[in-house]
Amino acid sequence: MTEEPRPYTLVAELTYRCPLRCVYCSNPRDFARHGDALGTDDWLRVFREAEALGVVQLNLTGGEPLLRDDLEPLVEGARTLDLYTNLITSGVPLTRERLARLKAAGLDNVQVSIQDVTAAGSERIAGHRSFERKLEVARWVKALGLPLTVNVVLHRENLDHVAEVIALAESLAADRLELANTQYLGWALANRRMLLPTREQLDAARDVAREARRRLRGRMEVLFVTPDYYTDLPKACMDGWGRRFLVVTPDGLVLPCHAAHTLPGLSFDNARERPLAEIWQHSAGFQAFRGEAWMPEPCRSCERRTLDFGGCRCQAYHLTGDATATDPACSLAPAHALIEAARAQAQAPSTEVIYRTARAADGV
């Protein structure tokens, strides 16, 4: 029997503005059309409504959330609700003084993104000189007594550096290292020919991560997320559509995942116009792929349907043009050949880079 959907994490995308231009950015490719429509009071109300629904964890993200001038009162408001609050940041706009204010306001954790182990490698992916700054910010986090998560998105250009990435995280005294292989949606899908690794690269990196997880147990948590393109069975995307996560965009759309609003034919409500509880329980967008009624074969009769919930709807749409299709990452999917073809292309990668830019977004 499937457990009743109840959100436990609110992903607050405070802004899509960002100093970086990362080639795998999870923001929509038309991000320039989504302004910061929610003010401080709007976000604080969203936090209250989310907590009343059962949310216990808040991810403050973007874009770059530090570009919001009201980040301190937002953190303070989350603290009054006892939400575990995680700041997901590039670190670039941060000062030590502001970080101290955020800690005093009640911030629980800081996640700093690092693109590679060298300045050159980092700049190629981020499109911005930021490597040394990120290391400085990570050291501030630890010096001020906050838990530090280091997030490194993995791809063909840095997978061979995983041992060095782990050593860097150790040198920063990180509490958690997320080795998160690229998920190919949005900007990452546009850059798939340059980012998708070979299976040999992936297997070697996974072995290194597995050994580090054993060696560092009790000192640093090491998480290695396998990309969908190299699994035979899909993962439960966001723990299943509309089951555990609420994502609120800068302009107030309430979504079950970051890319849901890229699916045609679906409508999503706005937090400025409808209470969060009504949206979670009754909105057409959340109901669209919640449960099993929508599933085609082979999902409908698969014994894993209550484990993976059909895989990723956004991936299904952006690869096949049909959001109801079985996720092509599944080896049983009728469209699995699309994934196999992408793996074959990884043997002859492209060097072309499409950076995250508002100008590029206008032309896609």
Protein backbone atom coordinates (compact mmCIF):
# COMPACT_ATOMS: atom_id res chain seq x y z
CA MET A 1 0.00 0.00 0.00
CA THR A 2 1.41 3.41 -1.00
CA GLU A 3 1.86 5.92 1.82
CA GLU A 4 -0.30 9.04 1.68
CA PRO A 5 1.58 11.94 0.04
CA ARG A 6 2.89 14.45 2.56
CA PRO A 7 5.55 17.06 1.84
CA TYR A 8 8.64 17.12 4.01
CA THR A 9 10.90 19.47 2.02
CA LEU A 10 10.20 22.91 0.62
CA VAL A 11 12.60 24.01 -2.12
CA ALA A 12 12.40 27.80 -2.18
CA GLU A 13 13.87 29.08 -5.45
CA LEU A 14 14.25 32.65 -4.23
CA THR A 15 15.63 33.99 -7.51
CA TYR A 16 16.98 32.75 -10.83
CA ARG A 17 19.61 35.51 -10.84
CA CYS A 18 23.14 34.11 -10.46
CA PRO A 19 26.73 35.27 -11.06
CA LEU A 20 27.60 31.84 -12.49
CA ARG A 21 26.73 30.47 -15.94
CA CYS A 22 26.97 26.76 -15.22
CA VAL A 23 26.49 24.51 -18.21
CA TYR A 24 24.37 22.04 -16.21
CA CYS A 25 22.21 24.60 -14.37
CA SER A 26 18.87 23.16 -13.26
CA ASN A 27 17.03 26.45 -13.80
CA PRO A 28 14.67 26.51 -16.78
CA ARG A 29 16.19 27.66 -20.05
CA ASP A 30 13.67 30.51 -20.16
CA PHE A 31 14.66 31.63 -16.64
CA ALA A 32 14.84 35.27 -17.71
CA ARG A 33 11.04 35.24 -18.04
CA HIS A 34 10.61 34.35 -14.35
CA GLY A 35 11.18 37.41 -12.18
CA ASP A 36 11.36 37.70 -8.38
CA ALA A 37 7.63 38.29 -7.90
CA LEU A 38 7.45 36.99 -4.32
CA GLY A 39 8.36 39.54 -1.68
CA THR A 40 9.49 38.95 1.90
CA ASP A 41 5.96 38.67 3.29
CA ASP A 42 4.95 36.31 0.48
CA TRP A 43 7.83 33.96 1.22
CA LEU A 44 7.22 34.05 4.98
CA ARG A 45 3.58 33.10 4.38
CA VAL A 46 4.70 30.27 2.08
CA PHE A 47 7.01 29.02 4.86
CA ARG A 48 4.15 29.08 7.39
CA GLU A 49 1.79 27.26 5.06
CA ALA A 50 4.45 24.67 4.22
CA GLU A 51 5.16 24.00 7.90
CA ALA A 52 1.45 23.56 8.55
CA LEU A 53 1.41 20.91 5.80
CA GLY A 54 4.18 18.96 7.55
CA VAL A 55 7.33 20.34 5.92
CA VAL A 56 10.35 20.11 8.23
CA GLN A 57 13.20 21.05 5.87
CA LEU A 58 13.71 24.23 3.86
CA ASN A 59 16.23 24.56 1.01
CA LEU A 60 16.95 28.19 0.14
CA THR A 61 18.23 28.07 -3.40
CA GLY A 62 18.09 29.72 -6.80
CA GLY A 63 19.92 30.88 -8.93
CA GLU A 64 21.90 32.48 -6.15
CA PRO A 65 19.80 33.11 -3.01
CA LEU A 66 22.40 35.50 -1.60
CA LEU A 67 21.30 38.03 -4.23
CA ARG A 68 18.12 38.50 -2.19
CA ASP A 69 18.53 41.45 0.19
CA ASP A 70 15.91 39.92 2.50
CA LEU A 71 17.67 36.60 3.07
CA GLU A 72 18.28 37.33 6.76
CA PRO A 73 14.59 37.92 7.66
CA LEU A 74 13.65 34.87 5.60
CA VAL A 75 16.08 32.70 7.59
CA GLU A 76 14.82 34.24 10.83
CA GLY A 77 11.23 33.51 9.83
CA ALA A 78 12.11 29.90 9.06
CA ARG A 79 13.79 29.57 12.47
CA THR A 80 10.62 30.70 14.28
CA LEU A 81 8.85 27.79 12.55
CA ASP A 82 11.59 25.30 13.54
CA LEU A 83 12.35 24.50 9.90
CA TYR A 84 15.78 22.99 9.29
CA THR A 85 17.17 25.59 6.90
CA ASN A 86 19.83 24.86 4.31
CA LEU A 87 21.44 27.59 2.21
CA ILE A 88 22.44 26.28 -1.24
CA THR A 89 24.91 28.77 -2.69
CA SER A 90 27.77 29.42 -5.05
CA GLY A 91 29.25 31.53 -2.26
CA VAL A 92 30.38 34.20 -4.69
CA PRO A 93 28.41 37.19 -3.31
CA LEU A 94 28.95 36.24 0.35
CA THR A 95 30.96 38.08 3.00
CA ARG A 96 32.03 36.59 6.31
CA GLU A 97 30.03 39.26 8.10
CA ARG A 98 26.84 38.36 6.28
CA LEU A 99 27.39 34.67 6.92
CA ALA A 100 27.69 35.46 10.64
CA ARG A 101 24.38 37.36 10.46
CA LEU A 102 22.72 34.44 8.72
CA LYS A 103 23.97 32.08 11.41
CA ALA A 104 22.65 34.41 14.11
CA ALA A 105 19.30 34.48 12.31
CA GLY A 106 19.08 30.70 12.62
CA LEU A 107 20.70 29.16 9.52
CA ASP A 108 21.36 25.43 10.06
CA ASN A 109 23.56 24.34 7.15
CA VAL A 110 25.44 25.73 4.16
CA GLN A 111 25.93 23.86 0.89
CA VAL A 112 28.67 25.28 -1.32
CA SER A 113 28.96 24.21 -4.94
CA ILE A 114 32.42 23.49 -6.34
CA GLN A 115 32.82 22.67 -10.02
CA ASP A 116 36.28 21.05 -10.09
CA VAL A 117 39.60 20.82 -8.25
CA THR A 118 41.39 23.51 -10.28
CA ALA A 119 40.54 27.08 -11.10
CA ALA A 120 40.73 26.40 -14.83
CA GLY A 121 38.42 23.39 -14.68
CA SER A 122 35.98 25.24 -12.47
CA GLU A 123 35.91 28.31 -14.70
CA ARG A 124 35.25 26.27 -17.84
CA ILE A 125 32.06 24.84 -16.31
CA ALA A 126 30.88 27.86 -14.31
CA GLY A 127 31.83 30.48 -16.89
CA HIS A 128 33.10 32.66 -14.03
CA ARG A 129 36.27 33.01 -11.96
CA SER A 130 35.09 31.75 -8.60
CA PHE A 131 37.17 28.77 -7.45
CA GLU A 132 39.32 30.45 -4.80
CA ARG A 133 36.34 32.42 -3.55
CA LYS A 134 34.36 29.22 -3.03
CA LEU A 135 37.15 27.68 -0.98
CA GLU A 136 37.32 30.81 1.16
CA VAL A 137 33.58 30.68 1.79
CA ALA A 138 33.74 26.99 2.72
CA ARG A 139 36.42 27.81 5.31
CA TRP A 140 34.27 30.61 6.75
CA VAL A 141 31.39 28.18 7.16
CA LYS A 142 33.50 25.85 9.28
CA ALA A 143 35.20 28.68 11.19
CA LEU A 144 31.79 29.99 12.23
CA GLY A 145 30.72 26.55 13.46
CA LEU A 146 28.16 25.75 10.76
CA PRO A 147 27.86 22.33 9.12
CA LEU A 148 29.31 22.33 5.60
CA THR A 149 28.07 20.37 2.61
CA VAL A 150 30.27 20.43 -0.50
CA ASN A 151 28.33 19.70 -3.68
CA VAL A 152 30.19 18.71 -6.84
CA VAL A 153 28.17 17.99 -9.97
CA LEU A 154 30.01 15.23 -11.83
CA HIS A 155 30.41 14.86 -15.60
CA ARG A 156 32.95 13.62 -18.12
CA GLU A 157 35.36 16.54 -17.51
CA ASN A 158 35.72 16.02 -13.74
CA LEU A 159 34.77 12.38 -13.07
CA ASP A 160 38.42 11.39 -13.33
CA HIS A 161 39.19 13.85 -10.52
CA VAL A 162 36.93 12.27 -7.87
CA ALA A 163 39.85 11.24 -5.66
CA GLU A 164 41.11 14.84 -5.70
CA VAL A 165 37.59 16.15 -5.06
CA ILE A 166 37.34 13.94 -1.96
CA ALA A 167 40.76 15.13 -0.78
CA LEU A 168 39.67 18.74 -1.26
CA ALA A 169 36.48 18.16 0.75
CA GLU A 170 38.57 16.55 3.50
CA SER A 171 40.91 19.56 3.57
CA LEU A 172 37.88 21.80 4.03
CA ALA A 173 36.61 19.58 6.89
CA ALA A 174 33.30 19.15 5.08
CA ASP A 175 30.62 17.27 6.99
CA ARG A 176 29.00 15.97 3.81
CA LEU A 177 30.20 15.57 0.23
CA GLU A 178 27.61 15.20 -2.50
CA LEU A 179 29.05 13.70 -5.67
CA ALA A 180 25.96 14.27 -7.76
CA ASN A 181 26.26 13.07 -11.33
CA THR A 182 24.59 15.40 -13.81
CA GLN A 183 20.89 14.89 -14.46
CA TYR A 184 20.22 15.72 -18.09
CA LEU A 185 17.45 18.29 -18.11
CA GLY A 186 17.46 22.01 -18.91
CA TRP A 187 20.92 23.36 -19.63
CA ALA A 188 22.50 19.96 -18.97
CA LEU A 189 20.43 18.38 -21.73
CA ALA A 190 21.59 21.11 -24.11
CA ASN A 191 25.18 20.26 -23.13
CA ARG A 192 24.79 16.49 -22.97
CA ARG A 193 27.31 15.78 -25.75
CA MET A 194 30.07 17.44 -23.72
CA LEU A 195 28.96 16.33 -20.25
CA LEU A 196 27.88 12.69 -20.49
CA PRO A 197 30.71 10.40 -19.33
CA THR A 198 31.55 6.90 -20.44
CA ARG A 199 30.51 3.94 -18.35
CA GLU A 200 34.17 3.21 -17.66
CA GLN A 201 34.65 6.68 -16.16
CA LEU A 202 31.55 6.30 -14.05
CA ASP A 203 32.47 2.87 -12.73
CA ALA A 204 35.99 3.97 -11.78
CA ALA A 205 34.71 7.07 -9.97
CA ARG A 206 32.08 5.05 -8.13
CA ASP A 207 34.77 2.66 -6.87
CA VAL A 208 36.81 5.60 -5.55
CA ALA A 209 33.74 7.05 -3.84
CA ARG A 210 32.81 3.69 -2.31
CA GLU A 211 36.25 3.33 -0.76
CA ALA A 212 36.15 6.91 0.55
CA ARG A 213 32.72 6.30 2.08
CA ARG A 214 34.17 3.33 3.98
CA ARG A 215 37.32 5.18 5.05
CA LEU A 216 35.57 8.37 6.13
CA ARG A 217 32.56 6.83 7.89
CA GLY A 218 31.84 8.85 11.01
CA ARG A 219 33.93 11.80 9.80
CA MET A 220 32.41 12.86 6.47
CA GLU A 221 29.35 11.53 4.71
CA VAL A 222 30.09 10.72 1.06
CA LEU A 223 27.10 10.46 -1.27
CA PHE A 224 27.47 9.28 -4.88
CA VAL A 225 24.42 9.75 -7.11
CA THR A 226 24.46 7.63 -10.27
CA PRO A 227 23.15 9.35 -13.41
CA ASP A 228 19.90 8.02 -14.86
CA TYR A 229 21.61 7.31 -18.17
CA TYR A 230 23.65 4.50 -16.60
CA THR A 231 20.98 2.74 -14.57
CA ASP A 232 18.84 -0.12 -15.82
CA LEU A 233 15.91 0.91 -13.65
CA PRO A 234 14.83 4.51 -13.01
CA LYS A 235 15.04 6.25 -9.66
CA ALA A 236 12.03 7.69 -7.89
CA CYS A 237 12.41 11.27 -9.15
CA MET A 238 11.90 13.64 -6.19
CA ASP A 239 10.61 10.59 -4.27
CA GLY A 240 7.68 10.48 -6.68
CA TRP A 241 5.60 13.22 -8.31
CA GLY A 242 3.80 15.26 -5.66
CA ARG A 243 4.67 12.93 -2.77
CA ARG A 244 7.40 14.57 -0.69
CA PHE A 245 8.65 17.82 -2.26
CA LEU A 246 7.23 21.27 -2.86
CA VAL A 247 9.15 23.58 -5.19
CA VAL A 248 8.20 27.26 -5.32
CA THR A 249 9.68 29.34 -8.14
CA PRO A 250 10.72 33.01 -7.94
CA ASP A 251 7.45 34.05 -9.58
CA GLY A 252 5.37 31.92 -7.22
CA LEU A 253 4.54 28.79 -9.21
CA VAL A 254 4.15 25.77 -6.93
CA LEU A 255 5.62 22.63 -8.52
CA PRO A 256 6.31 18.98 -7.66
CA CYS A 257 9.83 19.28 -9.14
CA HIS A 258 12.18 21.91 -10.57
CA ALA A 259 11.30 21.36 -14.24
CA ALA A 260 7.60 20.46 -14.03
CA HIS A 261 6.51 23.74 -15.62
CA THR A 262 8.37 22.80 -18.81
CA LEU A 263 5.78 20.11 -19.53
CA PRO A 264 3.10 21.30 -21.96
CA GLY A 265 -0.55 20.83 -21.14
CA LEU A 266 -0.09 21.08 -17.37
CA SER A 267 -1.23 24.03 -15.30
CA PHE A 268 0.34 24.97 -11.96
CA ASP A 269 -1.10 27.30 -9.36
CA ASN A 270 0.64 30.33 -7.94
CA ALA A 271 1.35 30.74 -4.22
CA ARG A 272 0.22 34.37 -4.45
CA GLU A 273 -3.27 33.30 -5.49
CA ARG A 274 -4.07 30.04 -3.72
CA PRO A 275 -3.13 28.53 -0.32
CA LEU A 276 -0.36 25.96 -0.39
CA ALA A 277 -2.57 23.27 1.20
CA GLU A 278 -5.16 23.59 -1.57
CA ILE A 279 -2.46 23.42 -4.23
CA TRP A 280 -0.84 20.35 -2.67
CA GLN A 281 -4.09 18.48 -2.21
CA HIS A 282 -6.23 19.50 -5.18
CA SER A 283 -4.32 21.24 -7.98
CA ALA A 284 -4.42 19.67 -11.43
CA GLY A 285 -0.65 19.90 -11.81
CA PHE A 286 0.06 17.90 -8.66
CA GLN A 287 -2.63 15.35 -9.44
CA ALA A 288 -1.41 14.77 -13.02
CA PHE A 289 1.17 12.06 -12.21
CA ARG A 290 0.43 11.33 -8.56
CA GLY A 291 -0.39 7.70 -7.92
CA GLU A 292 -0.64 5.00 -10.59
CA ALA A 293 -3.72 5.76 -12.71
CA TRP A 294 -1.71 7.64 -15.36
CA MET A 295 0.84 4.87 -15.88
CA PRO A 296 1.19 3.09 -19.24
CA GLU A 297 2.65 -0.37 -19.68
CA PRO A 298 5.15 -1.61 -18.73
CA CYS A 299 4.93 0.66 -15.65
CA ARG A 300 1.31 -0.20 -14.83
CA SER A 301 2.02 -3.88 -14.17
CA CYS A 302 5.62 -3.47 -12.93
CA GLU A 303 6.28 -4.59 -9.35
CA ARG A 304 8.54 -1.52 -8.90
CA ARG A 305 5.79 0.99 -9.67
CA THR A 306 5.43 1.93 -5.99
CA LEU A 307 9.21 2.26 -5.65
CA ASP A 308 10.20 4.36 -8.66
CA PHE A 309 6.74 5.84 -9.44
CA GLY A 310 7.40 5.65 -13.15
CA GLY A 311 10.70 7.52 -13.04
CA CYS A 312 11.11 11.13 -14.19
CA ARG A 313 8.19 12.72 -16.05
CA CYS A 314 10.31 15.64 -17.23
CA GLN A 315 12.99 13.32 -18.60
CA ALA A 316 10.31 11.27 -20.35
CA TYR A 317 8.89 14.36 -22.02
CA HIS A 318 12.16 16.00 -23.02
CA LEU A 319 13.44 12.79 -24.59
CA THR A 320 10.26 11.40 -26.16
CA GLY A 321 7.86 14.35 -26.40
CA ASP A 322 5.37 12.47 -24.19
CA ALA A 323 5.26 13.12 -20.44
CA THR A 324 3.21 9.95 -19.88
CA ALA A 325 5.83 7.71 -21.51
CA THR A 326 7.85 5.23 -19.50
CA ASP A 327 11.07 6.97 -18.46
CA PRO A 328 13.58 6.02 -21.20
CA ALA A 329 16.19 5.43 -18.48
CA CYS A 330 14.34 2.18 -17.73
CA SER A 331 15.69 -0.79 -19.68
CA LEU A 332 12.07 -1.93 -20.19
CA ALA A 333 10.98 1.37 -21.74
CA PRO A 334 9.93 1.33 -25.41
CA ALA A 335 12.15 4.39 -25.92
CA HIS A 336 15.21 3.02 -24.08
CA ALA A 337 17.14 3.13 -27.37
CA LEU A 338 17.36 6.92 -26.91
CA ILE A 339 19.46 6.38 -23.79
CA GLU A 340 21.61 3.77 -25.50
CA ALA A 341 22.25 6.17 -28.37
CA ALA A 342 23.33 8.89 -25.93
CA ARG A 343 25.74 6.45 -24.27
CA ALA A 344 27.23 5.66 -27.66
CA GLN A 345 27.72 9.38 -28.33
CA ALA A 346 29.74 9.61 -25.10
CA GLN A 347 32.52 7.77 -26.92
CA ALA A 348 32.88 10.78 -29.26
CA PRO A 349 32.06 13.82 -27.13
CA SER A 350 31.58 17.38 -28.24
CA THR A 351 33.76 20.20 -26.90
CA GLU A 352 31.12 22.87 -27.58
CA VAL A 353 29.84 24.65 -24.47
CA ILE A 354 26.43 26.32 -24.15
CA TYR A 355 26.57 28.57 -21.11
CA ARG A 356 23.52 29.54 -19.08
CA THR A 357 22.57 32.98 -20.37
CA ALA A 358 19.38 34.96 -20.68
CA ARG A 359 20.19 35.64 -24.34
CA ALA A 360 20.47 31.95 -25.13
CA ALA A 361 17.20 31.32 -23.32
CA ASP A 362 15.38 33.71 -25.64
CA GLY A 363 16.43 31.67 -28.63
CA VAL A 364 15.46 28.16 -27.54
